[in-house]
Amino acid sequence: MNSKSLVFILFAVWSAICWRWYTCTIKGVCGETAAAMVQNGQGSGIEPVESDTVTTDLTVSEVTPSTPSGATKSAQRPATRPPVTESRMNEVQMEEVEDRMVIHFPYNSIRKEDDAAIDDYLNRLASELNSSGGNVTISGHTDFVGESKDNVRFGLLRANSIRNILIKKGVAAKQIKTRSYGESKAIATNDTPWGRYRNRRVEIRINK
């Protein structure tokens, strides 16, 4: 083996060690598949991407709860909503923040998993939009793992996944506007798993 080959081999080994240290220690995504990296990225000044078409087809269990006579329907007040906690980062969780509802997603997830509180909220929201004819804006967000351009696409997939559910519940497509900001509007640090979880979200705002 000549000296050039030895140098190349040592460089390749050193590069592999540095890459693993960076992804495992700095990014905190050790063990994730390469395909998962399309979820997120880092950057600033990204213009939001909007969509008027449904791009994701989800299979979601649809159970519409009956509403007791005289009960008031409110898209902003789900019947039960457990607090968002760090111990449930492997699940989809929901919280109300000022004038919008926020749904947080596990890593590399765009699907709203079965959750009674979120199902209840989406049922109420669909009912309100169907009766009022109002409009809603759904924005998708990611953490900073991956490429910025892929983050914008992944955020839009998240927003469209919620849009699809509302359409299946009878809401007209023209009443729903979706957009993606990728990782450009973080609400928490990207330096911890908990912060990244809070950044992986969809925000739902009823337009007044």
N, C-alpha and C. Protein backbone atom coordinates (compact mmCIF):
# COMPACT_ATOMS: atom_id res chain seq x y z
N MET A 1 0.85 -1.19 0.00
CA MET A 1 0.00 0.00 0.00
C MET A 1 0.89 1.24 0.00
N ASN A 2 0.70 2.15 -0.98
CA ASN A 2 1.53 3.35 -1.04
C ASN A 2 1.02 4.41 -0.08
N SER A 3 1.79 5.47 0.07
CA SER A 3 1.47 6.51 1.06
C SER A 3 0.19 7.26 0.70
N LYS A 4 -0.08 7.45 -0.59
CA LYS A 4 -1.30 8.17 -0.99
C LYS A 4 -2.55 7.39 -0.59
N SER A 5 -2.52 6.07 -0.78
CA SER A 5 -3.67 5.24 -0.41
C SER A 5 -3.89 5.28 1.09
N LEU A 6 -2.80 5.22 1.85
CA LEU A 6 -2.90 5.26 3.31
C LEU A 6 -3.50 6.57 3.79
N VAL A 7 -3.07 7.66 3.19
CA VAL A 7 -3.60 8.98 3.56
C VAL A 7 -5.09 9.05 3.25
N PHE A 8 -5.50 8.53 2.10
CA PHE A 8 -6.91 8.56 1.72
C PHE A 8 -7.76 7.75 2.70
N ILE A 9 -7.27 6.56 3.09
CA ILE A 9 -8.01 5.71 4.02
C ILE A 9 -8.15 6.39 5.37
N LEU A 10 -7.05 6.98 5.85
CA LEU A 10 -7.09 7.68 7.14
C LEU A 10 -8.05 8.86 7.09
N PHE A 11 -8.07 9.57 5.98
CA PHE A 11 -8.98 10.71 5.84
C PHE A 11 -10.44 10.25 5.85
N ALA A 12 -10.71 9.11 5.17
CA ALA A 12 -12.08 8.60 5.12
C ALA A 12 -12.56 8.18 6.51
N VAL A 13 -11.67 7.51 7.24
CA VAL A 13 -12.03 7.09 8.61
C VAL A 13 -12.27 8.29 9.49
N TRP A 14 -11.40 9.28 9.38
CA TRP A 14 -11.54 10.50 10.19
C TRP A 14 -12.84 11.22 9.86
N SER A 15 -13.20 11.28 8.57
CA SER A 15 -14.44 11.94 8.15
C SER A 15 -15.66 11.23 8.71
N ALA A 16 -15.63 9.88 8.69
CA ALA A 16 -16.75 9.11 9.22
C ALA A 16 -16.93 9.34 10.70
N ILE A 17 -15.81 9.37 11.44
CA ILE A 17 -15.88 9.61 12.88
C ILE A 17 -16.44 11.00 13.17
N CYS A 18 -15.97 12.01 12.43
CA CYS A 18 -16.45 13.38 12.62
C CYS A 18 -17.94 13.50 12.30
N TRP A 19 -18.37 12.85 11.22
CA TRP A 19 -19.79 12.91 10.83
C TRP A 19 -20.67 12.28 11.90
N ARG A 20 -20.24 11.12 12.41
CA ARG A 20 -21.05 10.47 13.45
C ARG A 20 -21.09 11.30 14.72
N TRP A 21 -19.96 11.91 15.07
CA TRP A 21 -19.95 12.76 16.26
C TRP A 21 -20.88 13.95 16.08
N TYR A 22 -20.86 14.54 14.88
CA TYR A 22 -21.70 15.72 14.63
C TYR A 22 -23.18 15.37 14.68
N THR A 23 -23.61 14.29 14.00
CA THR A 23 -25.02 13.93 13.95
C THR A 23 -25.53 13.42 15.28
N CYS A 24 -24.69 12.65 16.00
CA CYS A 24 -25.14 12.08 17.27
C CYS A 24 -25.08 13.07 18.41
N THR A 25 -23.97 13.82 18.49
CA THR A 25 -23.76 14.70 19.64
C THR A 25 -24.37 16.08 19.43
N ILE A 26 -24.13 16.67 18.27
CA ILE A 26 -24.61 18.03 18.03
C ILE A 26 -26.06 18.04 17.60
N LYS A 27 -26.39 17.26 16.56
CA LYS A 27 -27.75 17.24 16.04
C LYS A 27 -28.69 16.42 16.91
N GLY A 28 -28.16 15.40 17.57
CA GLY A 28 -28.99 14.56 18.42
C GLY A 28 -29.93 13.65 17.66
N VAL A 29 -29.54 13.25 16.44
CA VAL A 29 -30.41 12.40 15.63
C VAL A 29 -29.72 11.09 15.29
N CYS A 30 -28.84 10.65 16.14
CA CYS A 30 -28.13 9.40 15.90
C CYS A 30 -29.11 8.24 15.79
N GLY A 31 -28.93 7.41 14.80
CA GLY A 31 -29.79 6.24 14.65
C GLY A 31 -30.95 6.45 13.70
N GLU A 32 -31.22 7.71 13.30
CA GLU A 32 -32.30 7.95 12.36
C GLU A 32 -31.83 7.56 10.96
N THR A 33 -32.75 7.20 10.13
CA THR A 33 -32.40 6.83 8.76
C THR A 33 -32.12 8.07 7.94
N ALA A 34 -31.38 7.87 6.84
CA ALA A 34 -31.04 9.01 5.99
C ALA A 34 -32.29 9.63 5.40
N ALA A 35 -33.29 8.81 5.11
CA ALA A 35 -34.52 9.35 4.53
C ALA A 35 -35.20 10.30 5.47
N ALA A 36 -35.03 10.10 6.76
CA ALA A 36 -35.69 10.96 7.75
C ALA A 36 -35.13 12.36 7.72
N MET A 37 -33.93 12.53 7.19
CA MET A 37 -33.29 13.83 7.23
C MET A 37 -34.00 14.87 6.36
N VAL A 38 -34.93 14.45 5.51
CA VAL A 38 -35.63 15.45 4.71
C VAL A 38 -36.60 16.25 5.53
N GLN A 39 -36.82 15.85 6.78
CA GLN A 39 -37.80 16.56 7.58
C GLN A 39 -37.39 17.99 7.86
N ASN A 40 -36.13 18.22 8.25
CA ASN A 40 -35.79 19.48 8.85
C ASN A 40 -34.50 20.07 8.32
N GLY A 41 -34.18 21.34 8.70
CA GLY A 41 -32.97 21.99 8.25
C GLY A 41 -32.72 23.27 9.00
N GLN A 42 -31.69 24.05 8.63
CA GLN A 42 -31.39 25.28 9.31
C GLN A 42 -31.18 26.38 8.31
N GLY A 43 -31.61 27.59 8.61
CA GLY A 43 -31.45 28.72 7.73
C GLY A 43 -32.39 29.82 8.15
N SER A 44 -32.37 30.94 7.46
CA SER A 44 -33.23 32.06 7.78
C SER A 44 -33.63 32.73 6.50
N GLY A 45 -34.68 33.55 6.60
CA GLY A 45 -35.13 34.29 5.45
C GLY A 45 -35.86 33.44 4.44
N ILE A 46 -36.40 32.31 4.84
CA ILE A 46 -37.13 31.45 3.91
C ILE A 46 -38.53 31.98 3.72
N GLU A 47 -38.94 32.18 2.48
CA GLU A 47 -40.30 32.62 2.21
C GLU A 47 -41.25 31.45 2.38
N PRO A 48 -42.42 31.69 2.96
CA PRO A 48 -43.37 30.58 3.14
C PRO A 48 -43.86 30.06 1.81
N VAL A 49 -44.04 28.76 1.74
CA VAL A 49 -44.59 28.12 0.56
C VAL A 49 -46.05 27.82 0.83
N GLU A 50 -46.90 28.17 -0.10
CA GLU A 50 -48.32 27.95 0.07
C GLU A 50 -48.82 26.93 -0.93
N SER A 51 -49.93 26.29 -0.59
CA SER A 51 -50.49 25.26 -1.45
C SER A 51 -52.00 25.34 -1.46
N ASP A 52 -52.60 25.23 -2.63
CA ASP A 52 -54.05 25.16 -2.75
C ASP A 52 -54.50 23.78 -3.18
N THR A 53 -53.57 22.82 -3.15
CA THR A 53 -53.91 21.45 -3.54
C THR A 53 -53.58 20.51 -2.41
N VAL A 54 -54.30 19.39 -2.36
CA VAL A 54 -54.04 18.38 -1.35
C VAL A 54 -52.97 17.45 -1.87
N THR A 55 -51.86 17.33 -1.15
CA THR A 55 -50.73 16.55 -1.65
C THR A 55 -50.49 15.28 -0.86
N THR A 56 -51.19 15.09 0.25
CA THR A 56 -50.94 13.93 1.09
C THR A 56 -52.26 13.23 1.39
N ASP A 57 -52.33 11.95 1.11
CA ASP A 57 -53.53 11.18 1.40
C ASP A 57 -53.28 10.34 2.64
N LEU A 58 -54.05 10.57 3.68
CA LEU A 58 -53.86 9.86 4.94
C LEU A 58 -55.05 8.96 5.22
N THR A 59 -54.78 7.84 5.83
CA THR A 59 -55.84 6.97 6.29
C THR A 59 -56.04 7.23 7.77
N VAL A 60 -57.12 7.90 8.11
CA VAL A 60 -57.37 8.30 9.48
C VAL A 60 -58.72 7.75 9.91
N SER A 61 -58.77 7.20 11.10
CA SER A 61 -60.02 6.70 11.63
C SER A 61 -60.94 7.86 11.93
N GLU A 62 -62.07 7.92 11.26
CA GLU A 62 -63.01 9.02 11.44
C GLU A 62 -64.13 8.59 12.38
N VAL A 63 -64.19 9.22 13.53
CA VAL A 63 -65.26 8.96 14.48
C VAL A 63 -65.81 10.30 14.90
N THR A 64 -67.01 10.62 14.48
CA THR A 64 -67.62 11.89 14.80
C THR A 64 -68.49 11.74 16.02
N PRO A 65 -68.11 12.36 17.15
CA PRO A 65 -68.89 12.22 18.36
C PRO A 65 -70.22 12.94 18.25
N SER A 66 -71.24 12.38 18.86
CA SER A 66 -72.55 13.02 18.86
C SER A 66 -72.52 14.19 19.80
N THR A 67 -73.25 15.27 19.45
CA THR A 67 -73.29 16.46 20.27
C THR A 67 -74.61 16.52 20.99
N PRO A 68 -74.62 16.56 22.33
CA PRO A 68 -75.86 16.62 23.08
C PRO A 68 -76.70 17.83 22.67
N SER A 69 -78.01 17.70 22.77
CA SER A 69 -78.91 18.78 22.41
C SER A 69 -78.61 20.00 23.26
N GLY A 70 -78.50 21.17 22.60
CA GLY A 70 -78.26 22.40 23.32
C GLY A 70 -76.80 22.68 23.61
N ALA A 71 -75.92 21.74 23.26
CA ALA A 71 -74.50 21.95 23.54
C ALA A 71 -73.92 22.95 22.56
N THR A 72 -72.98 23.74 23.00
CA THR A 72 -72.34 24.74 22.16
C THR A 72 -71.07 24.17 21.57
N LYS A 73 -70.94 24.24 20.25
CA LYS A 73 -69.75 23.75 19.57
C LYS A 73 -68.72 24.87 19.51
N SER A 74 -67.49 24.54 19.84
CA SER A 74 -66.42 25.54 19.81
C SER A 74 -65.14 24.89 19.32
N ALA A 75 -64.61 25.42 18.19
CA ALA A 75 -63.37 24.85 17.65
C ALA A 75 -62.18 25.19 18.53
N GLN A 76 -62.31 26.19 19.39
CA GLN A 76 -61.18 26.61 20.20
C GLN A 76 -61.16 25.95 21.58
N ARG A 77 -62.16 25.18 21.92
CA ARG A 77 -62.22 24.58 23.25
C ARG A 77 -62.52 23.09 23.17
N PRO A 78 -61.52 22.26 22.85
CA PRO A 78 -61.74 20.81 22.84
C PRO A 78 -62.19 20.33 24.21
N ALA A 79 -62.92 19.22 24.22
CA ALA A 79 -63.48 18.72 25.47
C ALA A 79 -62.39 18.41 26.49
N THR A 80 -61.40 17.64 26.10
CA THR A 80 -60.29 17.32 27.00
C THR A 80 -58.99 17.48 26.24
N ARG A 81 -58.01 18.08 26.90
CA ARG A 81 -56.74 18.30 26.23
C ARG A 81 -55.62 18.21 27.26
N PRO A 82 -54.92 17.08 27.35
CA PRO A 82 -53.81 16.97 28.30
C PRO A 82 -52.70 17.94 27.94
N PRO A 83 -51.93 18.41 28.91
CA PRO A 83 -50.85 19.36 28.63
C PRO A 83 -49.75 18.71 27.80
N VAL A 84 -49.06 19.53 27.03
CA VAL A 84 -47.92 19.06 26.24
C VAL A 84 -46.75 18.82 27.19
N THR A 85 -46.23 17.60 27.18
CA THR A 85 -45.17 17.25 28.11
C THR A 85 -43.98 16.62 27.37
N GLU A 86 -42.80 16.78 27.96
CA GLU A 86 -41.58 16.25 27.38
C GLU A 86 -41.57 14.73 27.36
N SER A 87 -42.29 14.10 28.27
CA SER A 87 -42.31 12.65 28.35
C SER A 87 -43.08 12.00 27.21
N ARG A 88 -43.80 12.79 26.43
CA ARG A 88 -44.63 12.25 25.33
C ARG A 88 -44.14 12.75 23.97
N MET A 89 -42.83 12.95 23.83
CA MET A 89 -42.30 13.47 22.57
C MET A 89 -42.43 12.48 21.42
N ASN A 90 -42.72 11.22 21.71
CA ASN A 90 -42.91 10.24 20.65
C ASN A 90 -44.36 10.20 20.19
N GLU A 91 -45.18 11.13 20.66
CA GLU A 91 -46.59 11.19 20.30
C GLU A 91 -46.92 12.56 19.71
N VAL A 92 -48.07 12.63 19.02
CA VAL A 92 -48.60 13.91 18.58
C VAL A 92 -49.32 14.55 19.77
N GLN A 93 -49.01 15.83 20.03
CA GLN A 93 -49.63 16.54 21.14
C GLN A 93 -50.16 17.89 20.66
N MET A 94 -51.12 18.44 21.40
CA MET A 94 -51.78 19.67 20.98
C MET A 94 -51.85 20.66 22.13
N GLU A 95 -51.72 21.94 21.82
CA GLU A 95 -51.88 22.99 22.82
C GLU A 95 -52.45 24.24 22.16
N GLU A 96 -53.19 25.01 22.95
CA GLU A 96 -53.75 26.26 22.46
C GLU A 96 -52.81 27.39 22.85
N VAL A 97 -52.43 28.22 21.88
CA VAL A 97 -51.52 29.34 22.12
C VAL A 97 -52.16 30.60 21.55
N GLU A 98 -52.60 31.48 22.42
CA GLU A 98 -53.22 32.74 22.03
C GLU A 98 -54.37 32.51 21.04
N ASP A 99 -54.19 32.91 19.78
CA ASP A 99 -55.29 32.85 18.81
C ASP A 99 -55.19 31.65 17.88
N ARG A 100 -54.42 30.65 18.26
CA ARG A 100 -54.24 29.51 17.35
C ARG A 100 -54.09 28.22 18.14
N MET A 101 -54.34 27.11 17.44
CA MET A 101 -54.12 25.79 18.01
C MET A 101 -52.84 25.23 17.39
N VAL A 102 -52.01 24.60 18.21
CA VAL A 102 -50.72 24.08 17.76
C VAL A 102 -50.69 22.58 17.98
N ILE A 103 -50.35 21.84 16.91
CA ILE A 103 -50.20 20.39 17.00
C ILE A 103 -48.72 20.06 16.78
N HIS A 104 -48.10 19.40 17.75
CA HIS A 104 -46.68 19.04 17.68
C HIS A 104 -46.53 17.60 17.18
N PHE A 105 -45.47 17.36 16.41
CA PHE A 105 -45.27 16.06 15.76
C PHE A 105 -43.97 15.40 16.23
N PRO A 106 -43.96 14.06 16.35
CA PRO A 106 -42.70 13.34 16.62
C PRO A 106 -41.74 13.51 15.44
N TYR A 107 -40.50 13.11 15.64
CA TYR A 107 -39.50 13.24 14.59
C TYR A 107 -39.88 12.45 13.35
N ASN A 108 -39.73 13.07 12.19
CA ASN A 108 -39.98 12.45 10.89
C ASN A 108 -41.43 12.03 10.69
N SER A 109 -42.35 12.72 11.34
CA SER A 109 -43.77 12.35 11.22
C SER A 109 -44.55 13.49 10.58
N ILE A 110 -45.47 13.12 9.67
CA ILE A 110 -46.40 14.10 9.11
C ILE A 110 -47.84 13.67 9.40
N ARG A 111 -48.03 12.54 10.04
CA ARG A 111 -49.37 11.99 10.24
C ARG A 111 -49.90 12.34 11.61
N LYS A 112 -51.13 12.84 11.65
CA LYS A 112 -51.80 13.05 12.92
C LYS A 112 -52.27 11.70 13.43
N GLU A 113 -51.58 11.18 14.40
CA GLU A 113 -51.94 9.87 14.94
C GLU A 113 -53.26 9.96 15.70
N ASP A 114 -53.86 8.80 15.96
CA ASP A 114 -55.13 8.77 16.67
C ASP A 114 -54.97 9.38 18.07
N ASP A 115 -55.73 10.41 18.35
CA ASP A 115 -55.68 11.09 19.64
C ASP A 115 -57.06 11.67 19.89
N ALA A 116 -57.68 11.32 21.01
CA ALA A 116 -59.06 11.71 21.27
C ALA A 116 -59.22 13.23 21.32
N ALA A 117 -58.30 13.93 21.98
CA ALA A 117 -58.43 15.37 22.11
C ALA A 117 -58.28 16.07 20.76
N ILE A 118 -57.31 15.62 19.94
CA ILE A 118 -57.12 16.24 18.63
C ILE A 118 -58.27 15.91 17.71
N ASP A 119 -58.75 14.67 17.75
CA ASP A 119 -59.92 14.30 16.95
C ASP A 119 -61.12 15.16 17.32
N ASP A 120 -61.31 15.37 18.62
CA ASP A 120 -62.43 16.18 19.09
C ASP A 120 -62.30 17.61 18.58
N TYR A 121 -61.10 18.16 18.67
CA TYR A 121 -60.89 19.53 18.19
C TYR A 121 -61.16 19.65 16.68
N LEU A 122 -60.63 18.71 15.88
CA LEU A 122 -60.82 18.78 14.44
C LEU A 122 -62.28 18.58 14.06
N ASN A 123 -63.01 17.74 14.80
CA ASN A 123 -64.45 17.59 14.56
C ASN A 123 -65.17 18.91 14.82
N ARG A 124 -64.82 19.57 15.93
CA ARG A 124 -65.45 20.84 16.26
C ARG A 124 -65.08 21.92 15.25
N LEU A 125 -63.81 21.95 14.84
CA LEU A 125 -63.38 22.93 13.86
C LEU A 125 -64.11 22.73 12.53
N ALA A 126 -64.20 21.49 12.07
CA ALA A 126 -64.91 21.20 10.81
C ALA A 126 -66.37 21.62 10.91
N SER A 127 -67.00 21.33 12.05
CA SER A 127 -68.40 21.69 12.24
C SER A 127 -68.58 23.21 12.18
N GLU A 128 -67.66 23.94 12.82
CA GLU A 128 -67.75 25.40 12.81
C GLU A 128 -67.55 25.97 11.42
N LEU A 129 -66.56 25.44 10.69
CA LEU A 129 -66.31 25.93 9.33
C LEU A 129 -67.46 25.59 8.40
N ASN A 130 -68.04 24.42 8.57
CA ASN A 130 -69.16 24.01 7.73
C ASN A 130 -70.38 24.89 7.96
N SER A 131 -70.62 25.27 9.21
CA SER A 131 -71.80 26.06 9.52
C SER A 131 -71.61 27.55 9.23
N SER A 132 -70.37 28.05 9.41
CA SER A 132 -70.13 29.48 9.23
C SER A 132 -69.65 29.85 7.84
N GLY A 133 -69.07 28.88 7.14
CA GLY A 133 -68.48 29.17 5.84
C GLY A 133 -67.19 29.95 5.93
N GLY A 134 -66.62 30.00 7.15
CA GLY A 134 -65.39 30.75 7.36
C GLY A 134 -64.16 30.05 6.79
N ASN A 135 -63.02 30.71 6.98
CA ASN A 135 -61.76 30.20 6.44
C ASN A 135 -60.76 29.94 7.55
N VAL A 136 -59.80 29.06 7.27
CA VAL A 136 -58.77 28.72 8.24
C VAL A 136 -57.42 28.66 7.52
N THR A 137 -56.38 29.09 8.23
CA THR A 137 -55.02 29.01 7.70
C THR A 137 -54.23 28.00 8.52
N ILE A 138 -53.58 27.06 7.84
CA ILE A 138 -52.79 26.03 8.50
C ILE A 138 -51.34 26.18 8.04
N SER A 139 -50.44 26.42 8.98
CA SER A 139 -49.03 26.59 8.62
C SER A 139 -48.20 25.45 9.21
N GLY A 140 -47.27 24.92 8.39
CA GLY A 140 -46.41 23.82 8.81
C GLY A 140 -45.02 24.32 9.16
N HIS A 141 -44.42 23.69 10.18
CA HIS A 141 -43.09 24.09 10.66
C HIS A 141 -42.26 22.84 10.96
N THR A 142 -40.93 22.99 10.97
CA THR A 142 -40.03 21.88 11.27
C THR A 142 -38.93 22.35 12.23
N ASP A 143 -38.09 21.41 12.67
CA ASP A 143 -36.89 21.80 13.40
C ASP A 143 -35.77 22.04 12.39
N PHE A 144 -34.50 22.04 12.81
CA PHE A 144 -33.43 22.45 11.90
C PHE A 144 -32.63 21.29 11.32
N VAL A 145 -33.06 20.07 11.52
CA VAL A 145 -32.30 18.92 11.02
C VAL A 145 -32.54 18.74 9.52
N GLY A 146 -31.49 18.71 8.73
CA GLY A 146 -31.63 18.47 7.31
C GLY A 146 -31.42 19.74 6.48
N GLU A 147 -31.89 19.72 5.24
CA GLU A 147 -31.73 20.83 4.32
C GLU A 147 -32.93 21.77 4.41
N SER A 148 -32.68 23.07 4.30
CA SER A 148 -33.73 24.07 4.43
C SER A 148 -34.85 23.88 3.41
N LYS A 149 -34.46 23.60 2.16
CA LYS A 149 -35.48 23.44 1.12
C LYS A 149 -36.35 22.21 1.38
N ASP A 150 -35.75 21.17 1.95
CA ASP A 150 -36.53 19.98 2.29
C ASP A 150 -37.46 20.27 3.46
N ASN A 151 -37.02 21.14 4.37
CA ASN A 151 -37.86 21.51 5.50
C ASN A 151 -39.14 22.19 5.06
N VAL A 152 -39.02 23.08 4.07
CA VAL A 152 -40.19 23.78 3.57
C VAL A 152 -41.19 22.78 3.00
N ARG A 153 -40.67 21.81 2.25
CA ARG A 153 -41.55 20.78 1.68
C ARG A 153 -42.18 19.93 2.79
N PHE A 154 -41.39 19.58 3.79
CA PHE A 154 -41.90 18.72 4.86
C PHE A 154 -42.94 19.47 5.69
N GLY A 155 -42.71 20.76 5.93
CA GLY A 155 -43.70 21.55 6.66
C GLY A 155 -45.01 21.62 5.91
N LEU A 156 -44.95 21.71 4.58
CA LEU A 156 -46.17 21.76 3.79
C LEU A 156 -46.91 20.42 3.84
N LEU A 157 -46.17 19.31 3.87
CA LEU A 157 -46.80 18.01 4.01
C LEU A 157 -47.57 17.92 5.33
N ARG A 158 -46.99 18.47 6.39
CA ARG A 158 -47.67 18.47 7.69
C ARG A 158 -48.96 19.28 7.63
N ALA A 159 -48.88 20.47 7.04
CA ALA A 159 -50.07 21.32 6.94
C ALA A 159 -51.14 20.65 6.10
N ASN A 160 -50.73 20.05 4.98
CA ASN A 160 -51.71 19.41 4.10
C ASN A 160 -52.31 18.15 4.72
N SER A 161 -51.58 17.51 5.64
CA SER A 161 -52.14 16.32 6.30
C SER A 161 -53.35 16.71 7.15
N ILE A 162 -53.28 17.86 7.82
CA ILE A 162 -54.43 18.34 8.59
C ILE A 162 -55.52 18.83 7.66
N ARG A 163 -55.13 19.47 6.57
CA ARG A 163 -56.11 19.94 5.58
C ARG A 163 -56.94 18.77 5.04
N ASN A 164 -56.25 17.66 4.74
CA ASN A 164 -56.96 16.50 4.22
C ASN A 164 -58.02 15.99 5.19
N ILE A 165 -57.68 15.99 6.47
CA ILE A 165 -58.63 15.51 7.48
C ILE A 165 -59.87 16.38 7.50
N LEU A 166 -59.68 17.71 7.46
CA LEU A 166 -60.83 18.63 7.47
C LEU A 166 -61.68 18.45 6.21
N ILE A 167 -61.04 18.23 5.06
CA ILE A 167 -61.80 18.01 3.83
C ILE A 167 -62.62 16.73 3.93
N LYS A 168 -62.05 15.69 4.53
CA LYS A 168 -62.79 14.44 4.71
C LYS A 168 -63.98 14.63 5.64
N LYS A 169 -63.92 15.66 6.48
CA LYS A 169 -65.03 15.95 7.39
C LYS A 169 -66.02 16.92 6.78
N GLY A 170 -65.87 17.22 5.49
CA GLY A 170 -66.86 18.02 4.79
C GLY A 170 -66.51 19.47 4.55
N VAL A 171 -65.36 19.93 5.01
CA VAL A 171 -64.96 21.32 4.80
C VAL A 171 -64.51 21.50 3.34
N ALA A 172 -64.97 22.58 2.70
CA ALA A 172 -64.59 22.83 1.31
C ALA A 172 -63.12 23.21 1.23
N ALA A 173 -62.45 22.72 0.18
CA ALA A 173 -61.02 22.99 0.01
C ALA A 173 -60.74 24.48 -0.06
N LYS A 174 -61.67 25.26 -0.64
CA LYS A 174 -61.44 26.70 -0.79
C LYS A 174 -61.46 27.43 0.56
N GLN A 175 -61.94 26.76 1.60
CA GLN A 175 -61.98 27.38 2.93
C GLN A 175 -60.67 27.20 3.69
N ILE A 176 -59.74 26.43 3.14
CA ILE A 176 -58.51 26.08 3.85
C ILE A 176 -57.30 26.55 3.06
N LYS A 177 -56.45 27.33 3.71
CA LYS A 177 -55.20 27.78 3.11
C LYS A 177 -54.05 27.16 3.87
N THR A 178 -53.13 26.52 3.15
CA THR A 178 -51.97 25.91 3.80
C THR A 178 -50.70 26.60 3.34
N ARG A 179 -49.72 26.65 4.25
CA ARG A 179 -48.43 27.24 3.92
C ARG A 179 -47.36 26.57 4.77
N SER A 180 -46.10 26.77 4.38
CA SER A 180 -45.00 26.19 5.14
C SER A 180 -43.90 27.24 5.35
N TYR A 181 -43.38 27.29 6.57
CA TYR A 181 -42.25 28.16 6.89
C TYR A 181 -40.98 27.33 7.13
N GLY A 182 -41.06 26.01 6.97
CA GLY A 182 -39.89 25.20 7.24
C GLY A 182 -39.40 25.40 8.66
N GLU A 183 -38.09 25.61 8.81
CA GLU A 183 -37.52 25.80 10.14
C GLU A 183 -37.32 27.27 10.49
N SER A 184 -37.82 28.20 9.64
CA SER A 184 -37.50 29.62 9.78
C SER A 184 -38.23 30.32 10.92
N LYS A 185 -39.26 29.71 11.50
CA LYS A 185 -40.00 30.34 12.60
C LYS A 185 -39.98 29.44 13.84
N ALA A 186 -38.80 29.15 14.31
CA ALA A 186 -38.66 28.30 15.51
C ALA A 186 -39.24 29.02 16.73
N ILE A 187 -39.89 28.25 17.61
CA ILE A 187 -40.42 28.81 18.85
C ILE A 187 -39.64 28.32 20.06
N ALA A 188 -38.64 27.47 19.82
CA ALA A 188 -37.83 26.92 20.91
C ALA A 188 -36.43 26.64 20.36
N THR A 189 -35.50 26.35 21.27
CA THR A 189 -34.14 26.04 20.85
C THR A 189 -34.10 24.74 20.05
N ASN A 190 -33.21 24.69 19.08
CA ASN A 190 -32.99 23.45 18.32
C ASN A 190 -31.83 22.64 18.90
N ASP A 191 -31.33 23.05 20.05
CA ASP A 191 -30.18 22.38 20.64
C ASP A 191 -30.55 21.20 21.54
N THR A 192 -31.84 21.00 21.78
CA THR A 192 -32.29 19.89 22.63
C THR A 192 -33.41 19.13 21.93
N PRO A 193 -33.58 17.85 22.23
CA PRO A 193 -34.69 17.09 21.64
C PRO A 193 -36.05 17.72 21.95
N TRP A 194 -36.23 18.23 23.16
CA TRP A 194 -37.50 18.84 23.55
C TRP A 194 -37.76 20.11 22.74
N GLY A 195 -36.73 20.92 22.55
CA GLY A 195 -36.90 22.12 21.74
C GLY A 195 -37.22 21.80 20.29
N ARG A 196 -36.54 20.81 19.74
CA ARG A 196 -36.83 20.41 18.36
C ARG A 196 -38.25 19.86 18.23
N TYR A 197 -38.70 19.14 19.26
CA TYR A 197 -40.08 18.62 19.22
C TYR A 197 -41.09 19.77 19.16
N ARG A 198 -40.87 20.81 19.93
CA ARG A 198 -41.80 21.93 19.95
C ARG A 198 -41.78 22.69 18.61
N ASN A 199 -40.67 22.64 17.92
CA ASN A 199 -40.59 23.32 16.62
C ASN A 199 -41.26 22.51 15.51
N ARG A 200 -41.39 21.20 15.69
CA ARG A 200 -42.05 20.36 14.68
C ARG A 200 -43.55 20.46 14.91
N ARG A 201 -44.22 21.33 14.17
CA ARG A 201 -45.61 21.63 14.53
C ARG A 201 -46.41 22.12 13.32
N VAL A 202 -47.73 22.09 13.53
CA VAL A 202 -48.68 22.72 12.63
C VAL A 202 -49.48 23.72 13.45
N GLU A 203 -49.63 24.92 12.94
CA GLU A 203 -50.43 25.95 13.62
C GLU A 203 -51.71 26.19 12.82
N ILE A 204 -52.83 26.15 13.53
CA ILE A 204 -54.15 26.30 12.91
C ILE A 204 -54.78 27.59 13.42
N ARG A 205 -55.09 28.50 12.52
CA ARG A 205 -55.66 29.78 12.91
C ARG A 205 -56.93 30.05 12.10
N ILE A 206 -58.05 30.28 12.79
CA ILE A 206 -59.29 30.63 12.12
C ILE A 206 -59.23 32.10 11.71
N ASN A 207 -59.49 32.38 10.47
CA ASN A 207 -59.42 33.76 9.97
C ASN A 207 -60.70 34.51 10.35
N LYS A 208 -60.54 35.61 11.04
CA LYS A 208 -61.68 36.40 11.50
C LYS A 208 -62.16 37.33 10.42
